[in-house]
Amino acid sequence: MIILRFVRAILGRIIIFFDWLTRGRKKKRSAEELASLTEATQHLSIYQFYTCPFCVKTRRALHQLNLPIELRDARSEGEHRTALLEGGGRVKVPCLRIESEDGTEWMYESNNIIAYLREQFA
C-alpha cells in the first residue's frame, strides 16, 4: 500500500512536469472579455486532486481557454471534500460544480467537463 502511494506520487509529479513543459499558450482575450468571463464563471468551480491525470487534463483545458474558474482541492479531509461527497454523491474527480437558479449540477468525467467548457466559452 505504501509503495503504491509512493509510485502514484512520483508518477503524478512526472505528469505535472510534462504538462508544464507542453501546456502551450493561453487563449488571448481582451480585458473586457476577461472581466465578462470572470462574471460568467463565478457560478462554476472544479473539484480536483493536484496529481490526478484527469484533473491535469481538465486544468490544461482551463489554461488553454484562459478561464478563471475556482479550483477546489478535494483530496484532503475538509470542506471541499465534504461538499463534493454531499452534493455530488461521491468523491470522484474532476467534478465541475455548476450553480444556477434551478439548482446545482455536478458534472463528472474530464471529457464531459472539457466539452461543456469549450461549448460555453470557446
Protein backbone atom coordinates (compact mmCIF):
# COMPACT_ATOMS: atom_id res chain seq x y z
CA MET A 1 0.00 0.00 0.00
CA ILE A 2 2.78 2.44 0.89
CA ILE A 3 4.70 1.51 -2.26
CA LEU A 4 1.60 2.12 -4.39
CA ARG A 5 1.14 5.57 -2.85
CA PHE A 6 4.79 6.37 -3.47
CA VAL A 7 4.57 5.28 -7.12
CA ARG A 8 1.39 7.32 -7.61
CA ALA A 9 3.05 10.38 -6.07
CA ILE A 10 6.09 10.07 -8.33
CA LEU A 11 4.03 9.45 -11.47
CA GLY A 12 1.75 12.36 -10.61
CA ARG A 13 4.70 14.73 -10.34
CA ILE A 14 6.08 13.47 -13.66
CA ILE A 15 2.71 14.08 -15.34
CA ILE A 16 2.55 17.60 -13.89
CA PHE A 17 6.09 18.34 -15.08
CA PHE A 18 5.34 17.21 -18.64
CA ASP A 19 2.09 19.15 -18.61
CA TRP A 20 4.03 22.26 -17.63
CA LEU A 21 6.54 21.66 -20.45
CA THR A 22 3.92 21.14 -23.15
CA ARG A 23 0.98 23.23 -21.94
CA GLY A 24 1.05 25.84 -24.69
CA ARG A 25 -0.28 29.36 -24.64
CA LYS A 26 -3.45 30.71 -23.18
CA LYS A 27 -6.15 31.93 -25.50
CA LYS A 28 -5.73 35.67 -25.90
CA ARG A 29 -8.64 37.63 -24.54
CA SER A 30 -9.17 41.36 -24.10
CA ALA A 31 -9.52 42.90 -20.65
CA GLU A 32 -13.24 43.39 -21.25
CA GLU A 33 -13.66 39.80 -22.34
CA LEU A 34 -11.77 38.56 -19.26
CA ALA A 35 -13.96 40.69 -17.00
CA SER A 36 -17.05 39.27 -18.66
CA LEU A 37 -15.70 35.71 -18.30
CA THR A 38 -14.92 36.28 -14.64
CA GLU A 39 -18.54 37.20 -14.06
CA ALA A 40 -19.82 34.33 -16.22
CA THR A 41 -17.69 31.72 -14.44
CA GLN A 42 -18.42 32.83 -10.86
CA HIS A 43 -21.01 30.07 -10.55
CA LEU A 44 -18.51 27.37 -11.61
CA SER A 45 -15.90 25.51 -9.58
CA ILE A 46 -13.81 22.42 -10.21
CA TYR A 47 -13.14 19.86 -7.51
CA GLN A 48 -9.84 18.15 -8.15
CA PHE A 49 -6.75 16.36 -6.87
CA TYR A 50 -3.48 18.04 -7.81
CA THR A 51 -1.72 14.97 -9.25
CA CYS A 52 -4.73 13.20 -10.79
CA PRO A 53 -4.06 12.76 -14.55
CA PHE A 54 -7.68 13.52 -15.45
CA CYS A 55 -7.58 16.67 -13.32
CA VAL A 56 -4.35 17.71 -15.05
CA LYS A 57 -6.15 17.23 -18.38
CA THR A 58 -9.02 19.41 -17.18
CA ARG A 59 -6.71 22.13 -15.80
CA ARG A 60 -4.84 22.08 -19.11
CA ALA A 61 -8.10 22.88 -20.94
CA LEU A 62 -8.81 25.69 -18.44
CA HIS A 63 -5.37 27.11 -19.16
CA GLN A 64 -5.79 26.89 -22.93
CA LEU A 65 -9.24 28.50 -22.80
CA ASN A 66 -7.95 31.10 -20.31
CA LEU A 67 -10.89 30.59 -17.96
CA PRO A 68 -10.87 31.96 -14.39
CA ILE A 69 -12.62 29.04 -12.67
CA GLU A 70 -12.01 28.31 -9.00
CA LEU A 71 -10.14 25.08 -8.30
CA ARG A 72 -11.04 23.29 -5.07
CA ASP A 73 -8.79 20.62 -3.57
CA ALA A 74 -10.91 17.62 -2.58
CA ARG A 75 -8.01 15.33 -1.70
CA SER A 76 -7.68 16.11 1.98
CA GLU A 77 -10.44 15.96 4.53
CA GLY A 78 -12.13 19.32 4.69
CA GLU A 79 -14.98 21.45 3.44
CA HIS A 80 -14.40 20.84 -0.28
CA ARG A 81 -14.24 17.06 0.04
CA THR A 82 -17.36 17.11 2.23
CA ALA A 83 -19.21 19.38 -0.24
CA LEU A 84 -18.29 17.05 -3.12
CA LEU A 85 -19.48 13.97 -1.24
CA GLU A 86 -22.71 15.54 0.00
CA GLY A 87 -23.58 17.46 -3.17
CA GLY A 88 -22.31 15.15 -5.89
CA GLY A 89 -22.85 11.91 -4.02
CA ARG A 90 -19.28 10.64 -4.33
CA VAL A 91 -15.68 11.72 -4.07
CA LYS A 92 -14.69 11.42 -7.72
CA VAL A 93 -12.60 13.99 -9.55
CA PRO A 94 -12.54 16.03 -11.63
CA CYS A 95 -16.00 17.35 -10.95
CA LEU A 96 -17.44 20.60 -12.26
CA ARG A 97 -19.98 22.23 -9.94
CA ILE A 98 -22.45 24.36 -11.88
CA GLU A 99 -24.65 26.58 -9.75
CA SER A 100 -27.75 28.11 -11.33
CA GLU A 101 -31.15 29.41 -10.35
CA ASP A 102 -32.53 25.91 -10.98
CA GLY A 103 -30.12 24.31 -8.50
CA THR A 104 -26.66 22.78 -8.51
CA GLU A 105 -25.41 20.31 -11.11
CA TRP A 106 -22.36 18.12 -10.53
CA MET A 107 -20.62 17.11 -13.76
CA TYR A 108 -18.10 14.27 -13.62
CA GLU A 109 -15.72 12.96 -16.31
CA SER A 110 -12.94 15.14 -17.70
CA ASN A 111 -14.10 14.79 -21.32
CA ASN A 112 -17.62 15.95 -20.45
CA ILE A 113 -16.28 18.89 -18.43
CA ILE A 114 -13.92 19.98 -21.21
CA ALA A 115 -16.66 19.65 -23.86
CA TYR A 116 -19.02 21.76 -21.70
CA LEU A 117 -16.39 24.47 -21.14
CA ARG A 118 -15.50 24.61 -24.85
CA GLU A 119 -19.16 24.81 -25.81
CA GLN A 120 -19.85 27.61 -23.33
CA PHE A 121 -16.64 29.67 -23.52
CA ALA A 122 -14.56 28.91 -26.64
